[in-house]
Protein backbone atom coordinates (compact mmCIF):
# COMPACT_ATOMS: atom_id res chain seq x y z
CA MET A 1 6.79 24.65 -27.09
CA GLU A 2 5.53 21.26 -25.86
CA ARG A 3 4.43 20.70 -22.27
CA ASN A 4 7.32 18.34 -21.50
CA GLU A 5 9.82 20.90 -22.83
CA ILE A 6 8.35 23.57 -20.56
CA ILE A 7 8.53 21.22 -17.58
CA GLN A 8 12.14 20.29 -18.36
CA GLN A 9 13.16 23.97 -18.43
CA ALA A 10 11.31 24.91 -15.24
CA LYS A 11 13.09 25.11 -11.89
CA ARG A 12 9.93 24.21 -10.00
CA ILE A 13 6.37 23.16 -10.77
CA VAL A 14 3.40 24.74 -8.98
CA VAL A 15 0.26 22.60 -8.75
CA LYS A 16 -2.98 24.37 -7.72
CA VAL A 17 -5.67 22.07 -6.36
CA GLY A 18 -9.17 23.36 -5.67
CA SER A 19 -11.41 22.36 -2.80
CA SER A 20 -13.60 20.19 -5.02
CA ILE A 21 -10.62 17.91 -5.66
CA LEU A 22 -9.98 17.47 -1.92
CA THR A 23 -13.51 17.18 -0.56
CA THR A 24 -16.56 14.94 -0.53
CA SER A 25 -19.79 15.97 -2.24
CA SER A 26 -20.89 17.35 1.16
CA GLY A 27 -17.90 19.68 1.23
CA TYR A 28 -15.91 17.89 3.94
CA LEU A 29 -12.21 17.23 3.58
CA ALA A 30 -11.63 13.69 2.23
CA PRO A 31 -8.33 12.28 3.56
CA GLU A 32 -8.19 9.62 0.83
CA LYS A 33 -8.39 12.34 -1.84
CA VAL A 34 -5.66 14.35 -0.11
CA LYS A 35 -3.46 11.25 -0.06
CA SER A 36 -4.10 10.69 -3.76
CA VAL A 37 -3.00 14.24 -4.59
CA VAL A 38 0.11 13.93 -2.40
CA ASP A 39 1.00 10.64 -4.12
CA ALA A 40 0.60 12.27 -7.55
CA VAL A 41 2.79 15.22 -6.56
CA SER A 42 5.42 12.83 -5.23
CA ARG A 43 5.46 10.94 -8.53
CA LEU A 44 5.74 14.24 -10.41
CA GLU A 45 8.79 15.20 -8.32
CA LYS A 46 10.45 11.86 -8.98
CA ASP A 47 9.58 11.69 -12.70
CA PHE A 48 10.84 15.19 -13.53
CA ASN A 49 13.39 15.68 -10.73
CA LYS A 50 11.91 19.12 -9.95
CA GLN A 51 10.75 20.89 -6.82
CA VAL A 52 6.95 20.75 -6.73
CA VAL A 53 4.88 23.26 -4.77
CA LEU A 54 1.33 22.21 -3.91
CA VAL A 55 -1.15 25.06 -3.46
CA SER A 56 -4.61 24.27 -2.15
CA SER A 57 -7.76 26.16 -1.34
CA GLY A 58 -9.02 23.43 0.99
CA ALA A 59 -8.90 25.55 4.17
CA ILE A 60 -12.64 26.30 4.21
CA ALA A 61 -13.52 22.62 3.77
CA CYS A 62 -11.14 21.59 6.54
CA GLY A 63 -12.53 24.30 8.83
CA MET A 64 -16.13 23.25 8.14
CA ASP A 65 -15.28 19.79 9.37
CA LEU A 66 -13.44 21.10 12.46
CA LEU A 67 -16.30 23.45 13.37
CA GLY A 68 -18.94 20.76 12.86
CA LEU A 69 -20.86 22.49 10.07
CA LYS A 70 -23.24 20.02 8.46
CA LYS A 71 -23.51 21.32 4.90
CA LYS A 72 -21.57 23.54 2.61
CA THR A 73 -22.87 27.00 3.45
CA ALA A 74 -19.56 28.73 3.99
CA ARG A 75 -18.22 31.07 1.34
CA ALA A 76 -14.88 32.85 1.49
CA CYS A 77 -16.59 36.25 1.39
CA ASP A 78 -18.82 35.80 4.48
CA ILE A 79 -17.95 35.59 8.17
CA THR A 80 -18.67 31.85 8.35
CA GLY A 81 -16.31 31.24 5.45
CA ARG A 82 -13.61 33.35 7.07
CA CYS A 83 -13.95 31.45 10.35
CA CYS A 84 -13.78 28.13 8.51
CA SER A 85 -10.77 29.28 6.50
CA TRP A 86 -8.93 30.48 9.60
CA SER A 87 -9.72 27.26 11.49
CA GLY A 88 -8.72 25.06 8.55
CA THR A 89 -5.49 26.94 7.93
CA SER A 90 -4.57 26.92 11.62
CA TYR A 91 -5.25 23.18 11.84
CA ALA A 92 -2.86 22.54 8.93
CA TYR A 93 0.02 23.96 10.98
CA ILE A 94 -0.63 21.94 14.13
C-alpha cells in the first residue's frame, strides 16, 4: 500500500518530533523551529483533512532554557534531566 493510500484511510495522523528538530545546536528550544513544525502540521491537516496529533520530546530542552543551564548535560535518566523535563512540561501548560 502506498503512503498516500495509508494516509487517506487513517482517521488521524500522529507526528513524532524529536528534540533535535526543535532545538539549537546548544540544546536550547528554538522558537523559529517550533513555528516551522507547527506550520507543517497545519498544512498536513489542511491537505489531508485529517486530525493531526503532534508528539514532541522537547520538554528537557525547554526546561534547560527555563532553568538557565548553559550546555546540554541533562539526560532523561538523571535527576537534572528529570528536573528539566518537569520544568519544560509544566511551562508548556502555562
